[in-house]
Amino acid sequence: MNKVVPSADAAVADIPDGATVMSGGFGLCGNPENLIAALSKKGVKNLTLISNNCGTTDLGLGVLLKAHQVRKMIASYVGENKEFERQFLSGELEVELNPQGTLAERIRAGGCGLGGFFTPTGVGTQIGEGKETRVIDGKEYIFEKPLRADYAIIRAWKADRWGNCVFRETARNFSPLMAMAAKTTIVECEHLVEVGEIDPDQVHLPSIFVQRVLKGRHYEKWIEKRTVRKHA
């Protein structure tokens, strides 16, 4: 049951070219910094990434994009990455945009074994083009299919050796949903503790959804935009 691996490099060693990878994080909050760096170092190519966004030009998942390791991005927001814009407009990068709630629900559906769901979000827009529609109680809905992945890379605040995880505030974001929707979930944690040290009522992600755990190091906890008040 001990799922601890010695390093981020070891944790991602079997991720092949062409893999579909979900990555936790909202902007740069809660990014699996060590695992992203390990994927960059590994040089794996043609990835399909599923994440709220693709980081910034130089940070987060933007590191993989800048190194041309990403073939397709399934995301909700892409406004902080100039390289993303360049690759998309030049046709180098395939992009599938989703409303943020739809993205989260598609991931949840994938993790719960559902075949999809109907939502009113996107009706009458490009989001709804080519999708099945249905009128329910007089309101039109479009059908969205689930999202699943080969791997999920996420960051927890605290985890034990079995993979029970606790997230800290908004850094939880999409991570528990992604862990449920991936064949293999890799968790890096800021604090690695022994089994029994986490109160069961405090567990945000049970160990059954986690296959590998590593102790993260040297966190920078990036900030997308730092705004400070001018001195009077």
C-alpha atoms as a PDB file:
ATOM      1  CA  MET A   1       0.000   0.000   0.000  1.00  0.00           C
ATOM      2  CA  ASN A   2       2.977   2.329   0.292  1.00  0.00           C
ATOM      3  CA  LYS A   3       2.625   4.400  -2.900  1.00  0.00           C
ATOM      4  CA  VAL A   4       5.567   6.742  -2.347  1.00  0.00           C
ATOM      5  CA  VAL A   5       8.014   7.087  -5.236  1.00  0.00           C
ATOM      6  CA  PRO A   6      11.476   8.595  -4.782  1.00  0.00           C
ATOM      7  CA  SER A   7      11.223  11.507  -7.195  1.00  0.00           C
ATOM      8  CA  ALA A   8       9.128  13.371  -9.719  1.00  0.00           C
ATOM      9  CA  ASP A   9      11.309  11.928 -12.489  1.00  0.00           C
ATOM     10  CA  ALA A  10      10.477   8.394 -11.343  1.00  0.00           C
ATOM     11  CA  ALA A  11       6.796   9.276 -11.036  1.00  0.00           C
ATOM     12  CA  VAL A  12       6.471  10.309 -14.701  1.00  0.00           C
ATOM     13  CA  ALA A  13       8.963   7.835 -16.166  1.00  0.00           C
ATOM     14  CA  ASP A  14       6.292   5.754 -17.918  1.00  0.00           C
ATOM     15  CA  ILE A  15       4.267   8.631 -19.397  1.00  0.00           C
ATOM     16  CA  PRO A  16       4.648   8.079 -23.155  1.00  0.00           C
ATOM     17  CA  ASP A  17       4.474  10.357 -26.148  1.00  0.00           C
ATOM     18  CA  GLY A  18       0.875  11.009 -27.103  1.00  0.00           C
ATOM     19  CA  ALA A  19      -0.534  10.556 -23.592  1.00  0.00           C
ATOM     20  CA  THR A  20      -3.578  12.443 -22.343  1.00  0.00           C
ATOM     21  CA  VAL A  21      -2.722  14.189 -19.075  1.00  0.00           C
ATOM     22  CA  MET A  22      -4.985  16.094 -16.696  1.00  0.00           C
ATOM     23  CA  SER A  23      -3.199  18.718 -14.636  1.00  0.00           C
ATOM     24  CA  GLY A  24      -4.631  20.337 -11.528  1.00  0.00           C
ATOM     25  CA  GLY A  25      -4.390  24.049 -10.963  1.00  0.00           C
ATOM     26  CA  PHE A  26      -6.363  27.220 -11.428  1.00  0.00           C
ATOM     27  CA  GLY A  27      -4.159  29.768 -13.117  1.00  0.00           C
ATOM     28  CA  LEU A  28      -0.914  29.144 -11.276  1.00  0.00           C
ATOM     29  CA  CYS A  29      -2.645  28.215  -8.000  1.00  0.00           C
ATOM     30  CA  GLY A  30      -2.185  24.597  -6.998  1.00  0.00           C
ATOM     31  CA  ASN A  31       0.038  23.668  -9.940  1.00  0.00           C
ATOM     32  CA  PRO A  32       2.011  20.395  -9.613  1.00  0.00           C
ATOM     33  CA  GLU A  33       5.283  22.242 -10.057  1.00  0.00           C
ATOM     34  CA  ASN A  34       7.623  19.274  -9.583  1.00  0.00           C
ATOM     35  CA  LEU A  35       5.703  17.013 -11.955  1.00  0.00           C
ATOM     36  CA  ILE A  36       5.483  19.671 -14.663  1.00  0.00           C
ATOM     37  CA  ALA A  37       9.248  20.170 -14.399  1.00  0.00           C
ATOM     38  CA  ALA A  38       9.786  16.404 -14.624  1.00  0.00           C
ATOM     39  CA  LEU A  39       7.656  16.154 -17.771  1.00  0.00           C
ATOM     40  CA  SER A  40       9.625  19.016 -19.269  1.00  0.00           C
ATOM     41  CA  LYS A  41      12.909  17.295 -18.425  1.00  0.00           C
ATOM     42  CA  LYS A  42      11.658  13.972 -19.814  1.00  0.00           C
ATOM     43  CA  GLY A  43      10.878  15.645 -23.134  1.00  0.00           C
ATOM     44  CA  VAL A  44       7.685  13.681 -23.742  1.00  0.00           C
ATOM     45  CA  LYS A  45       5.905  14.898 -26.920  1.00  0.00           C
ATOM     46  CA  ASN A  46       2.450  15.198 -28.503  1.00  0.00           C
ATOM     47  CA  LEU A  47       0.639  15.486 -25.196  1.00  0.00           C
ATOM     48  CA  THR A  48      -3.048  16.234 -24.885  1.00  0.00           C
ATOM     49  CA  LEU A  49      -3.385  18.388 -21.779  1.00  0.00           C
ATOM     50  CA  ILE A  50      -6.636  18.874 -19.904  1.00  0.00           C
ATOM     51  CA  SER A  51      -6.485  21.750 -17.453  1.00  0.00           C
ATOM     52  CA  ASN A  52      -8.280  24.950 -16.591  1.00  0.00           C
ATOM     53  CA  ASN A  53      -5.617  26.833 -18.540  1.00  0.00           C
ATOM     54  CA  CYS A  54      -2.086  26.505 -19.860  1.00  0.00           C
ATOM     55  CA  GLY A  55      -0.296  28.635 -17.303  1.00  0.00           C
ATOM     56  CA  THR A  56       1.569  31.720 -18.447  1.00  0.00           C
ATOM     57  CA  THR A  57       4.143  32.082 -21.206  1.00  0.00           C
ATOM     58  CA  ASP A  58       6.977  31.014 -18.897  1.00  0.00           C
ATOM     59  CA  LEU A  59       5.356  29.288 -15.920  1.00  0.00           C
ATOM     60  CA  GLY A  60       3.119  26.325 -15.168  1.00  0.00           C
ATOM     61  CA  LEU A  61       2.029  24.231 -18.125  1.00  0.00           C
ATOM     62  CA  GLY A  62       3.334  27.018 -20.337  1.00  0.00           C
ATOM     63  CA  VAL A  63       6.771  25.442 -19.919  1.00  0.00           C
ATOM     64  CA  LEU A  64       5.594  22.338 -21.802  1.00  0.00           C
ATOM     65  CA  LEU A  65       3.847  24.399 -24.450  1.00  0.00           C
ATOM     66  CA  LYS A  66       6.914  26.563 -25.035  1.00  0.00           C
ATOM     67  CA  ALA A  67       9.005  23.414 -25.563  1.00  0.00           C
ATOM     68  CA  HIS A  68       6.497  22.164 -28.185  1.00  0.00           C
ATOM     69  CA  GLN A  69       5.549  19.145 -26.083  1.00  0.00           C
ATOM     70  CA  VAL A  70       1.791  19.770 -26.374  1.00  0.00           C
ATOM     71  CA  ARG A  71      -0.328  18.749 -29.362  1.00  0.00           C
ATOM     72  CA  LYS A  72      -3.784  19.589 -28.003  1.00  0.00           C
ATOM     73  CA  MET A  73      -5.111  21.685 -25.145  1.00  0.00           C
ATOM     74  CA  ILE A  74      -8.552  21.175 -23.596  1.00  0.00           C
ATOM     75  CA  ALA A  75      -9.121  24.164 -21.354  1.00  0.00           C
ATOM     76  CA  SER A  76     -11.422  26.886 -20.131  1.00  0.00           C
ATOM     77  CA  TYR A  77      -9.204  29.981 -20.084  1.00  0.00           C
ATOM     78  CA  VAL A  78      -6.149  30.779 -22.187  1.00  0.00           C
ATOM     79  CA  GLY A  79      -5.625  34.509 -21.800  1.00  0.00           C
ATOM     80  CA  GLU A  80      -2.282  34.703 -19.980  1.00  0.00           C
ATOM     81  CA  ASN A  81      -0.043  32.879 -22.434  1.00  0.00           C
ATOM     82  CA  LYS A  82       1.357  34.654 -25.490  1.00  0.00           C
ATOM     83  CA  GLU A  83       3.002  31.478 -26.803  1.00  0.00           C
ATOM     84  CA  PHE A  84      -0.359  29.722 -26.596  1.00  0.00           C
ATOM     85  CA  GLU A  85      -1.855  32.474 -28.750  1.00  0.00           C
ATOM     86  CA  ARG A  86       0.965  32.238 -31.271  1.00  0.00           C
ATOM     87  CA  GLN A  87       0.789  28.448 -31.612  1.00  0.00           C
ATOM     88  CA  PHE A  88      -2.997  28.438 -31.885  1.00  0.00           C
ATOM     89  CA  LEU A  89      -3.146  31.166 -34.542  1.00  0.00           C
ATOM     90  CA  SER A  90      -0.373  29.494 -36.541  1.00  0.00           C
ATOM     91  CA  GLY A  91      -2.149  26.133 -36.483  1.00  0.00           C
ATOM     92  CA  GLU A  92       0.548  24.414 -34.421  1.00  0.00           C
ATOM     93  CA  LEU A  93      -1.760  23.751 -31.477  1.00  0.00           C
ATOM     94  CA  GLU A  94      -5.200  22.154 -31.421  1.00  0.00           C
ATOM     95  CA  VAL A  95      -7.487  23.819 -28.887  1.00  0.00           C
ATOM     96  CA  GLU A  96     -10.837  22.758 -27.420  1.00  0.00           C
ATOM     97  CA  LEU A  97     -12.377  25.489 -25.278  1.00  0.00           C
ATOM     98  CA  ASN A  98     -14.986  24.669 -22.642  1.00  0.00           C
ATOM     99  CA  PRO A  99     -17.019  26.870 -20.325  1.00  0.00           C
ATOM    100  CA  GLN A 100     -15.418  26.434 -16.912  1.00  0.00           C
ATOM    101  CA  GLY A 101     -18.396  24.734 -15.274  1.00  0.00           C
ATOM    102  CA  THR A 102     -18.781  22.435 -18.261  1.00  0.00           C
ATOM    103  CA  LEU A 103     -15.098  21.492 -18.081  1.00  0.00           C
ATOM    104  CA  ALA A 104     -15.400  20.571 -14.409  1.00  0.00           C
ATOM    105  CA  GLU A 105     -18.606  18.614 -14.977  1.00  0.00           C
ATOM    106  CA  ARG A 106     -17.143  16.724 -17.957  1.00  0.00           C
ATOM    107  CA  ILE A 107     -14.218  15.665 -15.774  1.00  0.00           C
ATOM    108  CA  ARG A 108     -16.571  14.691 -12.937  1.00  0.00           C
ATOM    109  CA  ALA A 109     -18.684  12.653 -15.372  1.00  0.00           C
ATOM    110  CA  GLY A 110     -15.556  10.853 -16.540  1.00  0.00           C
ATOM    111  CA  GLY A 111     -14.589   9.994 -12.979  1.00  0.00           C
ATOM    112  CA  CYS A 112     -18.092   8.851 -12.024  1.00  0.00           C
ATOM    113  CA  GLY A 113     -18.524   6.577 -15.028  1.00  0.00           C
ATOM    114  CA  LEU A 114     -21.286   8.639 -16.605  1.00  0.00           C
ATOM    115  CA  GLY A 115     -21.932   8.807 -20.328  1.00  0.00           C
ATOM    116  CA  GLY A 116     -22.364  12.584 -20.304  1.00  0.00           C
ATOM    117  CA  PHE A 117     -24.906  15.227 -19.324  1.00  0.00           C
ATOM    118  CA  PHE A 118     -27.185  17.913 -20.701  1.00  0.00           C
ATOM    119  CA  THR A 119     -26.430  21.573 -19.985  1.00  0.00           C
ATOM    120  CA  PRO A 120     -27.910  24.878 -21.181  1.00  0.00           C
ATOM    121  CA  THR A 121     -24.456  26.456 -21.220  1.00  0.00           C
ATOM    122  CA  GLY A 122     -23.308  27.066 -24.790  1.00  0.00           C
ATOM    123  CA  VAL A 123     -26.689  26.705 -26.487  1.00  0.00           C
ATOM    124  CA  GLY A 124     -26.789  28.877 -29.602  1.00  0.00           C
ATOM    125  CA  THR A 125     -23.012  29.425 -29.644  1.00  0.00           C
ATOM    126  CA  GLN A 126     -20.039  27.741 -31.298  1.00  0.00           C
ATOM    127  CA  ILE A 127     -19.763  25.555 -28.174  1.00  0.00           C
ATOM    128  CA  GLY A 128     -23.014  23.855 -29.117  1.00  0.00           C
ATOM    129  CA  GLU A 129     -22.324  23.333 -32.820  1.00  0.00           C
ATOM    130  CA  GLY A 130     -22.671  19.699 -33.899  1.00  0.00           C
ATOM    131  CA  LYS A 131     -23.782  18.487 -30.476  1.00  0.00           C
ATOM    132  CA  GLU A 132     -26.966  16.640 -29.612  1.00  0.00           C
ATOM    133  CA  THR A 133     -29.686  18.929 -28.285  1.00  0.00           C
ATOM    134  CA  ARG A 134     -32.804  18.292 -26.245  1.00  0.00           C
ATOM    135  CA  VAL A 135     -35.630  20.467 -24.971  1.00  0.00           C
ATOM    136  CA  ILE A 136     -36.346  19.788 -21.304  1.00  0.00           C
ATOM    137  CA  ASP A 137     -39.247  21.603 -19.625  1.00  0.00           C
ATOM    138  CA  GLY A 138     -39.292  24.074 -22.471  1.00  0.00           C
ATOM    139  CA  LYS A 139     -35.574  24.898 -22.285  1.00  0.00           C
ATOM    140  CA  GLU A 140     -32.932  23.818 -24.804  1.00  0.00           C
ATOM    141  CA  TYR A 141     -29.889  21.879 -23.636  1.00  0.00           C
ATOM    142  CA  ILE A 142     -26.780  20.502 -25.328  1.00  0.00           C
ATOM    143  CA  PHE A 143     -25.172  17.157 -24.574  1.00  0.00           C
ATOM    144  CA  GLU A 144     -21.593  17.131 -23.310  1.00  0.00           C
ATOM    145  CA  LYS A 145     -19.463  13.979 -23.207  1.00  0.00           C
ATOM    146  CA  PRO A 146     -17.173  13.019 -20.303  1.00  0.00           C
ATOM    147  CA  LEU A 147     -13.442  13.647 -20.167  1.00  0.00           C
ATOM    148  CA  ARG A 148     -10.970  10.981 -19.082  1.00  0.00           C
ATOM    149  CA  ALA A 149      -7.183  10.791 -19.108  1.00  0.00           C
ATOM    150  CA  ASP A 150      -4.317   8.350 -19.041  1.00  0.00           C
ATOM    151  CA  TYR A 151      -2.665  10.277 -16.210  1.00  0.00           C
ATOM    152  CA  ALA A 152      -3.534  13.028 -13.753  1.00  0.00           C
ATOM    153  CA  ILE A 153      -0.817  15.116 -12.120  1.00  0.00           C
ATOM    154  CA  ILE A 154      -1.972  17.050  -9.084  1.00  0.00           C
ATOM    155  CA  ARG A 155      -0.616  18.784  -5.998  1.00  0.00           C
ATOM    156  CA  ALA A 156      -1.889  18.311  -2.469  1.00  0.00           C
ATOM    157  CA  TRP A 157      -0.987  20.216   0.660  1.00  0.00           C
ATOM    158  CA  LYS A 158      -0.694  17.036   2.697  1.00  0.00           C
ATOM    159  CA  ALA A 159      -0.750  13.343   1.809  1.00  0.00           C
ATOM    160  CA  ASP A 160       0.026  10.094   3.589  1.00  0.00           C
ATOM    161  CA  ARG A 161       1.920   7.126   2.188  1.00  0.00           C
ATOM    162  CA  TRP A 162      -1.277   5.444   0.995  1.00  0.00           C
ATOM    163  CA  GLY A 163      -2.324   8.507  -0.997  1.00  0.00           C
ATOM    164  CA  ASN A 164      -5.030  10.037   1.199  1.00  0.00           C
ATOM    165  CA  CYS A 165      -4.878  13.752   0.394  1.00  0.00           C
ATOM    166  CA  VAL A 166      -5.753  17.103   1.914  1.00  0.00           C
ATOM    167  CA  PHE A 167      -5.818  20.256  -0.225  1.00  0.00           C
ATOM    168  CA  ARG A 168      -5.401  23.789   1.038  1.00  0.00           C
ATOM    169  CA  GLU A 169      -8.206  26.219   0.292  1.00  0.00           C
ATOM    170  CA  THR A 170      -8.565  27.218  -3.389  1.00  0.00           C
ATOM    171  CA  ALA A 171      -5.559  25.095  -4.389  1.00  0.00           C
ATOM    172  CA  ARG A 172      -8.007  22.176  -4.348  1.00  0.00           C
ATOM    173  CA  ASN A 173      -9.715  23.450  -7.556  1.00  0.00           C
ATOM    174  CA  PHE A 174     -10.094  20.682 -10.187  1.00  0.00           C
ATOM    175  CA  SER A 175      -7.664  18.211  -8.615  1.00  0.00           C
ATOM    176  CA  PRO A 176     -10.010  15.730  -6.852  1.00  0.00           C
ATOM    177  CA  LEU A 177     -12.169  15.464  -9.982  1.00  0.00           C
ATOM    178  CA  MET A 178      -9.124  14.798 -12.141  1.00  0.00           C
ATOM    179  CA  ALA A 179      -7.836  12.124  -9.812  1.00  0.00           C
ATOM    180  CA  MET A 180     -11.105  10.257 -10.264  1.00  0.00           C
ATOM    181  CA  ALA A 181     -11.092  10.591 -14.058  1.00  0.00           C
ATOM    182  CA  ALA A 182      -7.567   9.303 -14.773  1.00  0.00           C
ATOM    183  CA  LYS A 183      -6.254   5.768 -15.100  1.00  0.00           C
ATOM    184  CA  THR A 184      -3.131   6.724 -13.115  1.00  0.00           C
ATOM    185  CA  THR A 185      -3.075   9.596 -10.631  1.00  0.00           C
ATOM    186  CA  ILE A 186       0.244  11.013  -9.465  1.00  0.00           C
ATOM    187  CA  VAL A 187       0.192  13.282  -6.420  1.00  0.00           C
ATOM    188  CA  GLU A 188       2.977  15.539  -5.286  1.00  0.00           C
ATOM    189  CA  CYS A 189       2.499  16.906  -1.792  1.00  0.00           C
ATOM    190  CA  GLU A 190       4.005  19.667   0.273  1.00  0.00           C
ATOM    191  CA  HIS A 191       3.859  17.549   3.437  1.00  0.00           C
ATOM    192  CA  LEU A 192       4.202  13.754   3.428  1.00  0.00           C
ATOM    193  CA  VAL A 193       2.930  12.113   6.616  1.00  0.00           C
ATOM    194  CA  GLU A 194       2.472   8.620   7.975  1.00  0.00           C
ATOM    195  CA  VAL A 195      -0.773   6.692   7.620  1.00  0.00           C
ATOM    196  CA  GLY A 196      -3.144   7.641  10.433  1.00  0.00           C
ATOM    197  CA  GLU A 197      -1.876  11.199  10.865  1.00  0.00           C
ATOM    198  CA  ILE A 198      -4.698  12.618   8.726  1.00  0.00           C
ATOM    199  CA  ASP A 199      -8.119  12.648  10.381  1.00  0.00           C
ATOM    200  CA  PRO A 200     -10.437  10.631   8.105  1.00  0.00           C
ATOM    201  CA  ASP A 201     -12.974  13.468   8.223  1.00  0.00           C
ATOM    202  CA  GLN A 202     -10.337  15.803   6.783  1.00  0.00           C
ATOM    203  CA  VAL A 203      -9.527  13.687   3.706  1.00  0.00           C
ATOM    204  CA  HIS A 204     -10.480  15.501   0.494  1.00  0.00           C
ATOM    205  CA  LEU A 205      -9.270  12.740  -1.848  1.00  0.00           C
ATOM    206  CA  PRO A 206      -9.280   9.090  -0.725  1.00  0.00           C
ATOM    207  CA  SER A 207      -6.302   6.895  -1.490  1.00  0.00           C
ATOM    208  CA  ILE A 208      -8.296   4.623  -3.793  1.00  0.00           C
ATOM    209  CA  PHE A 209      -7.976   7.254  -6.529  1.00  0.00           C
ATOM    210  CA  VAL A 210      -4.195   7.678  -6.148  1.00  0.00           C
ATOM    211  CA  GLN A 211      -1.483   5.417  -7.549  1.00  0.00           C
ATOM    212  CA  ARG A 212       1.730   7.352  -6.803  1.00  0.00           C
ATOM    213  CA  VAL A 213       2.802   9.893  -4.184  1.00  0.00           C
ATOM    214  CA  LEU A 214       5.944  11.968  -3.903  1.00  0.00           C
ATOM    215  CA  LYS A 215       7.227  14.648  -1.569  1.00  0.00           C
ATOM    216  CA  GLY A 216       7.473  17.884  -3.534  1.00  0.00           C
ATOM    217  CA  ARG A 217      10.380  20.274  -3.142  1.00  0.00           C
ATOM    218  CA  HIS A 218      11.381  23.879  -3.749  1.00  0.00           C
ATOM    219  CA  TYR A 219       7.906  25.276  -4.276  1.00  0.00           C
ATOM    220  CA  GLU A 220       7.742  28.752  -5.750  1.00  0.00           C
ATOM    221  CA  LYS A 221       3.934  29.059  -5.625  1.00  0.00           C
ATOM    222  CA  TRP A 222       3.851  31.311  -8.651  1.00  0.00           C
ATOM    223  CA  ILE A 223       1.549  34.317  -8.980  1.00  0.00           C
ATOM    224  CA  GLU A 224       0.162  35.237 -12.400  1.00  0.00           C
ATOM    225  CA  LYS A 225      -0.070  38.959 -11.802  1.00  0.00           C
ATOM    226  CA  ARG A 226       1.224  40.746  -8.746  1.00  0.00           C
ATOM    227  CA  THR A 227      -0.479  44.067  -8.085  1.00  0.00           C
ATOM    228  CA  VAL A 228       0.648  46.230  -5.199  1.00  0.00           C
ATOM    229  CA  ARG A 229      -0.597  49.540  -3.890  1.00  0.00           C
ATOM    230  CA  LYS A 230       1.576  52.539  -4.618  1.00  0.00           C
ATOM    231  CA  HIS A 231       3.042  54.209  -1.579  1.00  0.00           C
ATOM    232  CA  ALA A 232       1.326  57.473  -0.693  1.00  0.00           C
END
